[in-house]
Amino acid sequence: MQTLMLWTVAAPFFTAGDEGDRWLDDLVDAPAHRFLKIPAAPARGGDWHRRAMRATPVGQWLRHWRQSARALAQGDGVVTVFPQLALTAAIQRRIGRRDVPIVAWCFNIGRFPTGWKRRVARFFLRSVDMFVVHSRGELALLRDRLMIDEARICFVPLQRAAIPLLADEEADAPFALAMGSANRDYATLYEACRRTGLPLTLVAARHALPAEPPPPNVTLRSNLDPAACLRLAQQARVSIVPLADVAAASGQITMVEAMRMGRPLIVTDAIGSRDYVVDGATGLLVPPRDPAALAAAMRRLWDDAALRTRLADAARRFAGESLSDEAAAAALARILDAVAARRKG
C-alpha cells in the first residue's frame, strides 16, 4: 500500500496559502501526495523580490527562515522554490535533525558564493534530497561548485501558464524589445542597435545598463508593472535576450514568456538558452559579445516576415507542449514519487 505524504510548499511569492495562491501542486494528479502551501510573511514595501538589489538583504533572509521553519514543522516533506528557501530549510533540517525530505525547485543560482560562504553552503545543502534546475548546463555547475552528486539534480524546463492576449503587434511604429536585468549584455546590444539603426525599447533596472548613454534609436523604460511588460512584449516585432555570462543560467523567464506568446526571439547562445531555443527552428542564437552577429540577426529577422512567423509558430507549439504548467506539474509528481521511494528504501 502506497504511503500518503503531505508536502508543504514554500515559495516567497505565496501570500495567502491554499486559500488564494496557485502553483504547480494544484495541478499534480497523484493520490500519494497531498500539499499544503506555507505563505510568507508580508514583505516590506509589498515586494518580495527587490530586483534592484544584487544580494538578498538580511530582512529577506529572516523572512525565508521563518517560512521554511513552518514548512519543516508541518509537513512529511518540503518543496521549496528558489535557492534561498532551500538553503534555510537545509540548515534547519540539519540543526533540528528532523528527517524530512527536501525538494529544492527552481534552484537557479545566478552568482555562486565563494570562500567560506561556499563551504557553508556545501555543508548544509547535503540535507537536500533533490535539486531541480531549469537548464542542463546547471547540472555540472552544481556538481563542480557545490559538490552536489548529479543523482540529486534534475532538469525540468521552466514553465509558464498560457498568457492572455493584451495587444497586437505594433504595425505603424514597429520596434524590437529587450527586457530584464539579470546577467544582461546591453553594451553589445547598444552597439548592435547603432549598426542597424532599428528602433528598440529596453526595459531594465538602472544597475543593469551600461554607463554610456544609449544610442538615439534605443528608448529606455523602467518600473513597469507585469501587465505593461506583457503588453510591450506582444506589441514588439522582435524580442531580444542578450546575455553576459554564458556559463550562468538566466533570461529564461523572458524567453519562455515570449515563446508562449508566439514572439520571434534572438538569444545569446548560453547554457540557459540552449534547452529552449533551437537555432533556426524556434528562434535565433547568436554568439556572446558579438555585436556584428547580433546586428545581422536583428536585421535578418526584422526584414523577413515569413521567418518571423515560422519561428514564432514553432516556438508557441514547443512552449505549449513542453513549457506549460501542466508539463511541469507532471515532472514534479515524478520527482516526488522518486524522492519518497528513495527515502522509504
C-alpha atoms as a PDB file:
ATOM      1  CA  MET A   1       0.000   0.000   0.000  1.00  0.00           C
ATOM      2  CA  GLN A   2       1.334   3.410  -1.004  1.00  0.00           C
ATOM      3  CA  THR A   3       2.081   5.815   1.859  1.00  0.00           C
ATOM      4  CA  LEU A   4       0.307   9.166   1.702  1.00  0.00           C
ATOM      5  CA  MET A   5       2.711  12.104   2.102  1.00  0.00           C
ATOM      6  CA  LEU A   6       1.883  15.671   2.999  1.00  0.00           C
ATOM      7  CA  TRP A   7       4.260  18.032   1.225  1.00  0.00           C
ATOM      8  CA  THR A   8       4.469  21.579   2.471  1.00  0.00           C
ATOM      9  CA  VAL A   9       5.300  24.029  -0.324  1.00  0.00           C
ATOM     10  CA  ALA A  10       7.222  27.213   0.497  1.00  0.00           C
ATOM     11  CA  ALA A  11       7.621  29.930  -2.121  1.00  0.00           C
ATOM     12  CA  PRO A  12       8.451  33.593  -1.422  1.00  0.00           C
ATOM     13  CA  PHE A  13       5.534  34.735  -3.577  1.00  0.00           C
ATOM     14  CA  PHE A  14       2.930  32.858  -1.527  1.00  0.00           C
ATOM     15  CA  THR A  15       0.856  35.340   0.445  1.00  0.00           C
ATOM     16  CA  ALA A  16      -2.463  33.595   1.062  1.00  0.00           C
ATOM     17  CA  GLY A  17      -1.547  29.916   1.250  1.00  0.00           C
ATOM     18  CA  ASP A  18      -4.061  27.359  -0.016  1.00  0.00           C
ATOM     19  CA  GLU A  19      -6.837  29.947   0.071  1.00  0.00           C
ATOM     20  CA  GLY A  20      -5.535  32.070  -2.807  1.00  0.00           C
ATOM     21  CA  ASP A  21      -2.112  31.118  -4.149  1.00  0.00           C
ATOM     22  CA  ARG A  22      -1.828  28.975  -7.248  1.00  0.00           C
ATOM     23  CA  TRP A  23       1.197  26.857  -8.129  1.00  0.00           C
ATOM     24  CA  LEU A  24       2.158  23.539  -9.710  1.00  0.00           C
ATOM     25  CA  ASP A  25       0.964  21.474  -6.752  1.00  0.00           C
ATOM     26  CA  ASP A  26      -2.603  22.396  -7.695  1.00  0.00           C
ATOM     27  CA  LEU A  27      -2.129  20.510 -10.963  1.00  0.00           C
ATOM     28  CA  VAL A  28      -0.430  17.381  -9.604  1.00  0.00           C
ATOM     29  CA  ASP A  29      -2.628  14.331 -10.118  1.00  0.00           C
ATOM     30  CA  ALA A  30      -1.038  11.827  -7.731  1.00  0.00           C
ATOM     31  CA  PRO A  31      -3.101  10.224  -4.949  1.00  0.00           C
ATOM     32  CA  ALA A  32       0.034   9.509  -2.900  1.00  0.00           C
ATOM     33  CA  HIS A  33       0.784  13.208  -2.423  1.00  0.00           C
ATOM     34  CA  ARG A  34      -1.117  15.953  -0.647  1.00  0.00           C
ATOM     35  CA  PHE A  35       0.034  19.566  -0.441  1.00  0.00           C
ATOM     36  CA  LEU A  36      -0.137  22.467   1.974  1.00  0.00           C
ATOM     37  CA  LYS A  37       1.114  25.883   0.915  1.00  0.00           C
ATOM     38  CA  ILE A  38       3.056  27.849   3.519  1.00  0.00           C
ATOM     39  CA  PRO A  39       2.642  31.603   2.947  1.00  0.00           C
ATOM     40  CA  ALA A  40       5.482  34.001   3.603  1.00  0.00           C
ATOM     41  CA  ALA A  41       5.257  36.934   5.969  1.00  0.00           C
ATOM     42  CA  PRO A  42       4.339  40.199   4.225  1.00  0.00           C
ATOM     43  CA  ALA A  43       7.382  41.753   2.556  1.00  0.00           C
ATOM     44  CA  ARG A  44       8.422  45.276   3.466  1.00  0.00           C
ATOM     45  CA  GLY A  45       7.118  47.593   0.788  1.00  0.00           C
ATOM     46  CA  GLY A  46       4.934  44.788  -0.559  1.00  0.00           C
ATOM     47  CA  ASP A  47       7.646  43.440  -2.907  1.00  0.00           C
ATOM     48  CA  TRP A  48       9.105  40.011  -2.069  1.00  0.00           C
ATOM     49  CA  HIS A  49      11.713  40.331  -4.834  1.00  0.00           C
ATOM     50  CA  ARG A  50      13.684  43.562  -4.790  1.00  0.00           C
ATOM     51  CA  ARG A  51      15.062  43.407  -8.317  1.00  0.00           C
ATOM     52  CA  ALA A  52      17.338  46.423  -7.985  1.00  0.00           C
ATOM     53  CA  MET A  53      19.403  44.662  -5.322  1.00  0.00           C
ATOM     54  CA  ARG A  54      22.266  42.338  -6.274  1.00  0.00           C
ATOM     55  CA  ALA A  55      22.254  40.460  -2.931  1.00  0.00           C
ATOM     56  CA  THR A  56      19.449  39.180  -0.708  1.00  0.00           C
ATOM     57  CA  PRO A  57      19.047  41.609   2.238  1.00  0.00           C
ATOM     58  CA  VAL A  58      19.106  40.420   5.832  1.00  0.00           C
ATOM     59  CA  GLY A  59      15.409  41.100   6.313  1.00  0.00           C
ATOM     60  CA  GLN A  60      14.606  38.870   3.353  1.00  0.00           C
ATOM     61  CA  TRP A  61      16.765  36.067   4.778  1.00  0.00           C
ATOM     62  CA  LEU A  62      14.814  36.285   8.051  1.00  0.00           C
ATOM     63  CA  ARG A  63      11.574  36.064   6.105  1.00  0.00           C
ATOM     64  CA  HIS A  64      12.828  32.928   4.328  1.00  0.00           C
ATOM     65  CA  TRP A  65      13.988  31.442   7.648  1.00  0.00           C
ATOM     66  CA  ARG A  66      10.575  31.774   9.268  1.00  0.00           C
ATOM     67  CA  GLN A  67       8.748  30.419   6.232  1.00  0.00           C
ATOM     68  CA  SER A  68      10.991  27.363   5.857  1.00  0.00           C
ATOM     69  CA  ALA A  69      10.727  26.670   9.612  1.00  0.00           C
ATOM     70  CA  ARG A  70       6.935  26.500   9.333  1.00  0.00           C
ATOM     71  CA  ALA A  71       7.216  24.248   6.284  1.00  0.00           C
ATOM     72  CA  LEU A  72       9.526  21.798   8.072  1.00  0.00           C
ATOM     73  CA  ALA A  73       7.303  21.710  11.145  1.00  0.00           C
ATOM     74  CA  GLN A  74       4.075  20.909   9.317  1.00  0.00           C
ATOM     75  CA  GLY A  75       4.933  18.503   6.521  1.00  0.00           C
ATOM     76  CA  ASP A  76       6.149  14.974   5.846  1.00  0.00           C
ATOM     77  CA  GLY A  77       8.258  16.559   3.108  1.00  0.00           C
ATOM     78  CA  VAL A  78       9.086  20.068   1.910  1.00  0.00           C
ATOM     79  CA  VAL A  79       9.181  21.641  -1.544  1.00  0.00           C
ATOM     80  CA  THR A  80      10.998  24.985  -1.679  1.00  0.00           C
ATOM     81  CA  VAL A  81      11.073  27.467  -4.548  1.00  0.00           C
ATOM     82  CA  PHE A  82      14.311  29.420  -5.181  1.00  0.00           C
ATOM     83  CA  PRO A  83      17.726  28.774  -3.602  1.00  0.00           C
ATOM     84  CA  GLN A  84      17.393  30.960  -0.513  1.00  0.00           C
ATOM     85  CA  LEU A  85      14.468  28.969   0.869  1.00  0.00           C
ATOM     86  CA  ALA A  86      16.214  25.709   0.015  1.00  0.00           C
ATOM     87  CA  LEU A  87      19.279  26.797   1.990  1.00  0.00           C
ATOM     88  CA  THR A  88      17.356  27.955   5.060  1.00  0.00           C
ATOM     89  CA  ALA A  89      15.325  24.731   5.064  1.00  0.00           C
ATOM     90  CA  ALA A  90      18.513  22.658   4.717  1.00  0.00           C
ATOM     91  CA  ILE A  91      20.164  24.487   7.636  1.00  0.00           C
ATOM     92  CA  GLN A  92      17.138  23.977   9.863  1.00  0.00           C
ATOM     93  CA  ARG A  93      16.805  20.323   8.947  1.00  0.00           C
ATOM     94  CA  ARG A  94      20.441  19.659   9.824  1.00  0.00           C
ATOM     95  CA  ILE A  95      20.245  21.643  13.070  1.00  0.00           C
ATOM     96  CA  GLY A  96      16.962  20.077  14.150  1.00  0.00           C
ATOM     97  CA  ARG A  97      17.839  16.659  12.751  1.00  0.00           C
ATOM     98  CA  ARG A  98      14.236  16.163  11.625  1.00  0.00           C
ATOM     99  CA  ASP A  99      14.173  13.511   8.940  1.00  0.00           C
ATOM    100  CA  VAL A 100      12.069  15.405   6.384  1.00  0.00           C
ATOM    101  CA  PRO A 101      12.929  15.169   2.667  1.00  0.00           C
ATOM    102  CA  ILE A 102      13.509  18.455   0.850  1.00  0.00           C
ATOM    103  CA  VAL A 103      12.982  19.091  -2.860  1.00  0.00           C
ATOM    104  CA  ALA A 104      14.582  22.361  -3.996  1.00  0.00           C
ATOM    105  CA  TRP A 105      12.595  23.512  -7.030  1.00  0.00           C
ATOM    106  CA  CYS A 106      13.956  26.297  -9.224  1.00  0.00           C
ATOM    107  CA  PHE A 107      17.441  26.115  -7.715  1.00  0.00           C
ATOM    108  CA  ASN A 108      18.819  28.730 -10.097  1.00  0.00           C
ATOM    109  CA  ILE A 109      21.940  30.391  -8.687  1.00  0.00           C
ATOM    110  CA  GLY A 110      22.945  33.431 -10.680  1.00  0.00           C
ATOM    111  CA  ARG A 111      26.162  34.074  -8.781  1.00  0.00           C
ATOM    112  CA  PHE A 112      27.744  31.259  -6.801  1.00  0.00           C
ATOM    113  CA  PRO A 113      29.137  32.043  -3.334  1.00  0.00           C
ATOM    114  CA  THR A 114      32.890  31.948  -2.824  1.00  0.00           C
ATOM    115  CA  GLY A 115      35.262  31.285   0.091  1.00  0.00           C
ATOM    116  CA  TRP A 116      33.718  30.409   3.422  1.00  0.00           C
ATOM    117  CA  LYS A 117      30.193  31.077   2.158  1.00  0.00           C
ATOM    118  CA  ARG A 118      30.603  28.357  -0.459  1.00  0.00           C
ATOM    119  CA  ARG A 119      31.934  25.898   2.122  1.00  0.00           C
ATOM    120  CA  VAL A 120      28.980  26.601   4.422  1.00  0.00           C
ATOM    121  CA  ALA A 121      26.518  26.192   1.550  1.00  0.00           C
ATOM    122  CA  ARG A 122      28.105  22.876   0.516  1.00  0.00           C
ATOM    123  CA  PHE A 123      27.824  21.518   4.056  1.00  0.00           C
ATOM    124  CA  PHE A 124      24.183  22.371   4.634  1.00  0.00           C
ATOM    125  CA  LEU A 125      22.922  21.623   1.117  1.00  0.00           C
ATOM    126  CA  ARG A 126      23.777  17.970   1.702  1.00  0.00           C
ATOM    127  CA  SER A 127      20.436  17.892   3.506  1.00  0.00           C
ATOM    128  CA  VAL A 128      18.523  18.480   0.261  1.00  0.00           C
ATOM    129  CA  ASP A 129      17.240  15.313  -1.405  1.00  0.00           C
ATOM    130  CA  MET A 130      16.654  16.682  -4.918  1.00  0.00           C
ATOM    131  CA  PHE A 131      17.586  19.897  -6.713  1.00  0.00           C
ATOM    132  CA  VAL A 132      15.526  20.986  -9.725  1.00  0.00           C
ATOM    133  CA  VAL A 133      17.260  23.234 -12.259  1.00  0.00           C
ATOM    134  CA  HIS A 134      15.959  24.736 -15.474  1.00  0.00           C
ATOM    135  CA  SER A 135      18.933  24.155 -17.769  1.00  0.00           C
ATOM    136  CA  ARG A 136      21.007  21.039 -18.307  1.00  0.00           C
ATOM    137  CA  GLY A 137      24.211  23.047 -18.050  1.00  0.00           C
ATOM    138  CA  GLU A 138      23.481  23.719 -14.380  1.00  0.00           C
ATOM    139  CA  LEU A 139      23.952  20.054 -13.520  1.00  0.00           C
ATOM    140  CA  ALA A 140      27.708  20.375 -13.992  1.00  0.00           C
ATOM    141  CA  LEU A 141      27.786  23.758 -12.237  1.00  0.00           C
ATOM    142  CA  LEU A 142      26.157  22.398  -9.075  1.00  0.00           C
ATOM    143  CA  ARG A 143      28.374  19.327  -9.180  1.00  0.00           C
ATOM    144  CA  ASP A 144      31.622  21.249  -9.602  1.00  0.00           C
ATOM    145  CA  ARG A 145      30.959  24.326  -7.469  1.00  0.00           C
ATOM    146  CA  LEU A 146      28.785  22.950  -4.676  1.00  0.00           C
ATOM    147  CA  MET A 147      29.943  19.309  -4.758  1.00  0.00           C
ATOM    148  CA  ILE A 148      26.411  18.015  -5.286  1.00  0.00           C
ATOM    149  CA  ASP A 149      26.012  14.496  -6.660  1.00  0.00           C
ATOM    150  CA  GLU A 150      24.359  14.653 -10.102  1.00  0.00           C
ATOM    151  CA  ALA A 151      21.999  11.882  -8.961  1.00  0.00           C
ATOM    152  CA  ARG A 152      20.398  14.543  -6.757  1.00  0.00           C
ATOM    153  CA  ILE A 153      19.951  17.071  -9.575  1.00  0.00           C
ATOM    154  CA  CYS A 154      17.092  17.008 -12.075  1.00  0.00           C
ATOM    155  CA  PHE A 155      16.491  19.173 -15.150  1.00  0.00           C
ATOM    156  CA  VAL A 156      12.920  20.358 -15.672  1.00  0.00           C
ATOM    157  CA  PRO A 157      12.221  23.132 -18.212  1.00  0.00           C
ATOM    158  CA  LEU A 158      10.999  26.393 -16.753  1.00  0.00           C
ATOM    159  CA  GLN A 159       7.279  26.717 -17.260  1.00  0.00           C
ATOM    160  CA  ARG A 160       4.745  29.471 -17.723  1.00  0.00           C
ATOM    161  CA  ALA A 161       0.959  29.318 -17.870  1.00  0.00           C
ATOM    162  CA  ALA A 162      -0.799  30.426 -21.029  1.00  0.00           C
ATOM    163  CA  ILE A 163      -0.594  34.223 -21.316  1.00  0.00           C
ATOM    164  CA  PRO A 164      -3.699  36.221 -22.295  1.00  0.00           C
ATOM    165  CA  LEU A 165      -3.524  38.371 -25.409  1.00  0.00           C
ATOM    166  CA  LEU A 166      -3.395  42.017 -24.353  1.00  0.00           C
ATOM    167  CA  ALA A 167      -2.269  43.679 -27.581  1.00  0.00           C
ATOM    168  CA  ASP A 168      -1.459  43.067 -31.222  1.00  0.00           C
ATOM    169  CA  GLU A 169       1.929  43.593 -32.810  1.00  0.00           C
ATOM    170  CA  GLU A 170       2.551  47.302 -33.423  1.00  0.00           C
ATOM    171  CA  ALA A 171       2.185  47.863 -37.169  1.00  0.00           C
ATOM    172  CA  ASP A 172       2.514  51.631 -37.562  1.00  0.00           C
ATOM    173  CA  ALA A 173       5.665  52.113 -35.475  1.00  0.00           C
ATOM    174  CA  PRO A 174       7.292  48.678 -35.149  1.00  0.00           C
ATOM    175  CA  PHE A 175      10.044  48.139 -32.590  1.00  0.00           C
ATOM    176  CA  ALA A 176      12.303  45.462 -31.168  1.00  0.00           C
ATOM    177  CA  LEU A 177      12.235  44.768 -27.444  1.00  0.00           C
ATOM    178  CA  ALA A 178      14.736  43.716 -24.793  1.00  0.00           C
ATOM    179  CA  MET A 179      13.823  43.406 -21.129  1.00  0.00           C
ATOM    180  CA  GLY A 180      15.254  42.047 -17.919  1.00  0.00           C
ATOM    181  CA  SER A 181      18.102  42.948 -15.580  1.00  0.00           C
ATOM    182  CA  ALA A 182      19.834  39.697 -14.608  1.00  0.00           C
ATOM    183  CA  ASN A 183      23.061  38.883 -16.468  1.00  0.00           C
ATOM    184  CA  ARG A 184      22.225  41.062 -19.462  1.00  0.00           C
ATOM    185  CA  ASP A 185      24.780  42.264 -22.015  1.00  0.00           C
ATOM    186  CA  TYR A 186      23.274  45.561 -23.002  1.00  0.00           C
ATOM    187  CA  ALA A 187      26.620  47.010 -24.078  1.00  0.00           C
ATOM    188  CA  THR A 188      26.669  44.571 -27.006  1.00  0.00           C
ATOM    189  CA  LEU A 189      23.022  45.341 -27.712  1.00  0.00           C
ATOM    190  CA  TYR A 190      23.753  49.081 -27.786  1.00  0.00           C
ATOM    191  CA  GLU A 191      26.450  48.533 -30.406  1.00  0.00           C
ATOM    192  CA  ALA A 192      24.189  46.265 -32.481  1.00  0.00           C
ATOM    193  CA  CYS A 193      21.498  48.947 -32.393  1.00  0.00           C
ATOM    194  CA  ARG A 194      23.999  51.557 -33.589  1.00  0.00           C
ATOM    195  CA  ARG A 195      24.862  49.330 -36.553  1.00  0.00           C
ATOM    196  CA  THR A 196      21.276  48.560 -37.555  1.00  0.00           C
ATOM    197  CA  GLY A 197      19.512  51.807 -36.671  1.00  0.00           C
ATOM    198  CA  LEU A 198      16.434  49.748 -35.769  1.00  0.00           C
ATOM    199  CA  PRO A 199      14.133  51.146 -33.070  1.00  0.00           C
ATOM    200  CA  LEU A 200      14.419  49.246 -29.802  1.00  0.00           C
ATOM    201  CA  THR A 201      12.676  49.574 -26.439  1.00  0.00           C
ATOM    202  CA  LEU A 202      14.756  48.459 -23.463  1.00  0.00           C
ATOM    203  CA  VAL A 203      13.126  47.684 -20.099  1.00  0.00           C
ATOM    204  CA  ALA A 204      15.665  47.179 -17.310  1.00  0.00           C
ATOM    205  CA  ALA A 205      16.765  48.399 -13.906  1.00  0.00           C
ATOM    206  CA  ARG A 206      19.366  51.141 -13.867  1.00  0.00           C
ATOM    207  CA  HIS A 207      22.127  48.905 -12.469  1.00  0.00           C
ATOM    208  CA  ALA A 208      21.821  46.585 -15.483  1.00  0.00           C
ATOM    209  CA  LEU A 209      22.506  49.345 -18.033  1.00  0.00           C
ATOM    210  CA  PRO A 210      25.916  50.345 -19.407  1.00  0.00           C
ATOM    211  CA  ALA A 211      27.472  53.534 -18.076  1.00  0.00           C
ATOM    212  CA  GLU A 212      27.430  55.028 -21.576  1.00  0.00           C
ATOM    213  CA  PRO A 213      24.213  56.659 -22.844  1.00  0.00           C
ATOM    214  CA  PRO A 214      22.091  54.574 -25.225  1.00  0.00           C
ATOM    215  CA  PRO A 215      22.062  55.170 -28.975  1.00  0.00           C
ATOM    216  CA  PRO A 216      19.306  57.540 -30.167  1.00  0.00           C
ATOM    217  CA  ASN A 217      17.254  54.645 -31.567  1.00  0.00           C
ATOM    218  CA  VAL A 218      17.010  52.998 -28.099  1.00  0.00           C
ATOM    219  CA  THR A 219      14.194  54.000 -25.736  1.00  0.00           C
ATOM    220  CA  LEU A 220      14.719  53.189 -22.054  1.00  0.00           C
ATOM    221  CA  ARG A 221      11.787  52.169 -19.835  1.00  0.00           C
ATOM    222  CA  SER A 222      11.703  51.073 -16.190  1.00  0.00           C
ATOM    223  CA  ASN A 223       9.375  50.416 -13.247  1.00  0.00           C
ATOM    224  CA  LEU A 224       6.668  48.838 -15.403  1.00  0.00           C
ATOM    225  CA  ASP A 225       4.103  46.508 -13.887  1.00  0.00           C
ATOM    226  CA  PRO A 226       3.818  42.927 -15.242  1.00  0.00           C
ATOM    227  CA  ALA A 227       0.802  43.713 -17.409  1.00  0.00           C
ATOM    228  CA  ALA A 228       2.629  46.598 -19.084  1.00  0.00           C
ATOM    229  CA  CYS A 229       5.634  44.337 -19.755  1.00  0.00           C
ATOM    230  CA  LEU A 230       3.430  41.673 -21.340  1.00  0.00           C
ATOM    231  CA  ARG A 231       1.720  44.288 -23.481  1.00  0.00           C
ATOM    232  CA  LEU A 232       5.066  45.560 -24.755  1.00  0.00           C
ATOM    233  CA  ALA A 233       6.231  42.004 -25.445  1.00  0.00           C
ATOM    234  CA  GLN A 234       3.158  41.336 -27.557  1.00  0.00           C
ATOM    235  CA  GLN A 235       3.493  44.613 -29.446  1.00  0.00           C
ATOM    236  CA  ALA A 236       7.181  44.100 -30.313  1.00  0.00           C
ATOM    237  CA  ARG A 237       8.187  42.791 -33.716  1.00  0.00           C
ATOM    238  CA  VAL A 238      11.254  41.014 -32.316  1.00  0.00           C
ATOM    239  CA  SER A 239      12.263  40.029 -28.767  1.00  0.00           C
ATOM    240  CA  ILE A 240      15.987  40.045 -27.910  1.00  0.00           C
ATOM    241  CA  VAL A 241      17.673  38.469 -24.864  1.00  0.00           C
ATOM    242  CA  PRO A 242      21.403  39.396 -24.843  1.00  0.00           C
ATOM    243  CA  LEU A 243      23.307  37.567 -22.091  1.00  0.00           C
ATOM    244  CA  ALA A 244      26.652  38.437 -20.497  1.00  0.00           C
ATOM    245  CA  ASP A 245      27.863  35.355 -18.610  1.00  0.00           C
ATOM    246  CA  VAL A 246      27.143  32.383 -20.870  1.00  0.00           C
ATOM    247  CA  ALA A 247      28.042  29.942 -18.068  1.00  0.00           C
ATOM    248  CA  ALA A 248      25.155  31.231 -15.923  1.00  0.00           C
ATOM    249  CA  ALA A 249      21.531  30.274 -16.466  1.00  0.00           C
ATOM    250  CA  SER A 250      19.432  33.405 -16.839  1.00  0.00           C
ATOM    251  CA  GLY A 251      16.922  35.056 -19.126  1.00  0.00           C
ATOM    252  CA  GLN A 252      14.677  32.006 -19.240  1.00  0.00           C
ATOM    253  CA  ILE A 253      11.565  33.774 -17.941  1.00  0.00           C
ATOM    254  CA  THR A 254      11.783  36.335 -20.747  1.00  0.00           C
ATOM    255  CA  MET A 255      12.430  33.587 -23.310  1.00  0.00           C
ATOM    256  CA  VAL A 256       9.635  31.298 -22.169  1.00  0.00           C
ATOM    257  CA  GLU A 257       7.086  34.105 -21.976  1.00  0.00           C
ATOM    258  CA  ALA A 258       7.999  35.251 -25.495  1.00  0.00           C
ATOM    259  CA  MET A 259       7.635  31.695 -26.766  1.00  0.00           C
ATOM    260  CA  ARG A 260       4.286  31.205 -25.057  1.00  0.00           C
ATOM    261  CA  MET A 261       3.085  34.443 -26.683  1.00  0.00           C
ATOM    262  CA  GLY A 262       4.415  33.389 -30.068  1.00  0.00           C
ATOM    263  CA  ARG A 263       7.027  36.131 -30.441  1.00  0.00           C
ATOM    264  CA  PRO A 264      10.173  35.706 -32.614  1.00  0.00           C
ATOM    265  CA  LEU A 265      13.318  35.502 -30.483  1.00  0.00           C
ATOM    266  CA  ILE A 266      17.009  36.345 -30.718  1.00  0.00           C
ATOM    267  CA  VAL A 267      19.008  34.991 -27.762  1.00  0.00           C
ATOM    268  CA  THR A 268      22.667  34.722 -26.835  1.00  0.00           C
ATOM    269  CA  ASP A 269      23.937  31.149 -27.072  1.00  0.00           C
ATOM    270  CA  ALA A 270      24.372  30.212 -23.379  1.00  0.00           C
ATOM    271  CA  ILE A 271      23.676  27.309 -21.029  1.00  0.00           C
ATOM    272  CA  GLY A 272      20.373  28.879 -20.025  1.00  0.00           C
ATOM    273  CA  SER A 273      19.077  29.235 -23.587  1.00  0.00           C
ATOM    274  CA  ARG A 274      20.130  26.030 -25.389  1.00  0.00           C
ATOM    275  CA  ASP A 275      17.381  23.945 -23.773  1.00  0.00           C
ATOM    276  CA  TYR A 276      14.727  26.360 -25.070  1.00  0.00           C
ATOM    277  CA  VAL A 277      15.826  27.950 -28.347  1.00  0.00           C
ATOM    278  CA  VAL A 278      16.858  25.769 -31.280  1.00  0.00           C
ATOM    279  CA  ASP A 279      18.701  27.973 -33.737  1.00  0.00           C
ATOM    280  CA  GLY A 280      16.707  28.437 -36.920  1.00  0.00           C
ATOM    281  CA  ALA A 281      13.777  26.414 -35.584  1.00  0.00           C
ATOM    282  CA  THR A 282      12.293  28.173 -32.531  1.00  0.00           C
ATOM    283  CA  GLY A 283      14.473  31.302 -32.585  1.00  0.00           C
ATOM    284  CA  LEU A 284      17.917  32.590 -33.485  1.00  0.00           C
ATOM    285  CA  LEU A 285      21.003  32.011 -31.342  1.00  0.00           C
ATOM    286  CA  VAL A 286      23.929  34.436 -31.601  1.00  0.00           C
ATOM    287  CA  PRO A 287      27.485  34.180 -30.198  1.00  0.00           C
ATOM    288  CA  PRO A 288      28.203  36.066 -26.966  1.00  0.00           C
ATOM    289  CA  ARG A 289      29.696  39.570 -27.039  1.00  0.00           C
ATOM    290  CA  ASP A 290      29.475  39.757 -30.840  1.00  0.00           C
ATOM    291  CA  PRO A 291      27.674  42.961 -31.896  1.00  0.00           C
ATOM    292  CA  ALA A 292      28.150  42.206 -35.605  1.00  0.00           C
ATOM    293  CA  ALA A 293      26.414  38.817 -35.274  1.00  0.00           C
ATOM    294  CA  LEU A 294      23.630  40.299 -33.155  1.00  0.00           C
ATOM    295  CA  ALA A 295      23.116  43.151 -35.625  1.00  0.00           C
ATOM    296  CA  ALA A 296      22.945  40.674 -38.520  1.00  0.00           C
ATOM    297  CA  ALA A 297      20.353  38.544 -36.696  1.00  0.00           C
ATOM    298  CA  MET A 298      18.293  41.631 -35.843  1.00  0.00           C
ATOM    299  CA  ARG A 299      18.291  42.846 -39.432  1.00  0.00           C
ATOM    300  CA  ARG A 300      17.543  39.361 -40.775  1.00  0.00           C
ATOM    301  CA  LEU A 301      14.543  38.804 -38.529  1.00  0.00           C
ATOM    302  CA  TRP A 302      13.283  42.380 -38.857  1.00  0.00           C
ATOM    303  CA  ASP A 303      13.197  42.201 -42.673  1.00  0.00           C
ATOM    304  CA  ASP A 304      11.831  38.659 -43.105  1.00  0.00           C
ATOM    305  CA  ALA A 305       8.168  38.398 -42.092  1.00  0.00           C
ATOM    306  CA  ALA A 306       7.938  34.759 -43.198  1.00  0.00           C
ATOM    307  CA  LEU A 307      10.883  33.806 -40.999  1.00  0.00           C
ATOM    308  CA  ARG A 308       9.368  35.629 -38.029  1.00  0.00           C
ATOM    309  CA  THR A 309       6.090  33.774 -38.487  1.00  0.00           C
ATOM    310  CA  ARG A 310       7.775  30.380 -38.856  1.00  0.00           C
ATOM    311  CA  LEU A 311       9.970  30.787 -35.772  1.00  0.00           C
ATOM    312  CA  ALA A 312       7.153  32.248 -33.675  1.00  0.00           C
ATOM    313  CA  ASP A 313       4.691  29.488 -34.561  1.00  0.00           C
ATOM    314  CA  ALA A 314       7.241  26.768 -33.797  1.00  0.00           C
ATOM    315  CA  ALA A 315       8.152  28.440 -30.507  1.00  0.00           C
ATOM    316  CA  ARG A 316       4.495  28.658 -29.488  1.00  0.00           C
ATOM    317  CA  ARG A 317       3.916  24.967 -30.229  1.00  0.00           C
ATOM    318  CA  PHE A 318       7.025  23.879 -28.350  1.00  0.00           C
ATOM    319  CA  ALA A 319       6.152  26.060 -25.358  1.00  0.00           C
ATOM    320  CA  GLY A 320       2.583  24.790 -25.237  1.00  0.00           C
ATOM    321  CA  GLU A 321       3.747  21.178 -25.229  1.00  0.00           C
ATOM    322  CA  SER A 322       6.865  21.350 -23.037  1.00  0.00           C
ATOM    323  CA  LEU A 323       6.890  24.637 -21.105  1.00  0.00           C
ATOM    324  CA  SER A 324       3.386  24.619 -19.657  1.00  0.00           C
ATOM    325  CA  ASP A 325       2.318  24.410 -16.023  1.00  0.00           C
ATOM    326  CA  GLU A 326       0.787  21.005 -16.746  1.00  0.00           C
ATOM    327  CA  ALA A 327       4.084  19.620 -18.080  1.00  0.00           C
ATOM    328  CA  ALA A 328       5.992  20.930 -15.055  1.00  0.00           C
ATOM    329  CA  ALA A 329       3.387  19.561 -12.633  1.00  0.00           C
ATOM    330  CA  ALA A 330       3.762  16.109 -14.170  1.00  0.00           C
ATOM    331  CA  ALA A 331       7.536  16.385 -13.690  1.00  0.00           C
ATOM    332  CA  LEU A 332       7.039  17.473 -10.075  1.00  0.00           C
ATOM    333  CA  ALA A 333       4.874  14.408  -9.426  1.00  0.00           C
ATOM    334  CA  ARG A 334       7.552  12.098 -10.848  1.00  0.00           C
ATOM    335  CA  ILE A 335      10.235  13.739  -8.684  1.00  0.00           C
ATOM    336  CA  LEU A 336       8.154  13.440  -5.514  1.00  0.00           C
ATOM    337  CA  ASP A 337       7.467   9.787  -6.297  1.00  0.00           C
ATOM    338  CA  ALA A 338      11.188   9.140  -6.728  1.00  0.00           C
ATOM    339  CA  VAL A 339      12.183  11.011  -3.552  1.00  0.00           C
ATOM    340  CA  ALA A 340       9.504   9.275  -1.485  1.00  0.00           C
ATOM    341  CA  ALA A 341      10.527   5.839  -2.828  1.00  0.00           C
ATOM    342  CA  ARG A 342      14.210   6.544  -2.205  1.00  0.00           C
ATOM    343  CA  ARG A 343      13.546   7.671   1.356  1.00  0.00           C
ATOM    344  CA  LYS A 344      11.368   4.653   2.035  1.00  0.00           C
ATOM    345  CA  GLY A 345      14.037   2.326   0.670  1.00  0.00           C
END
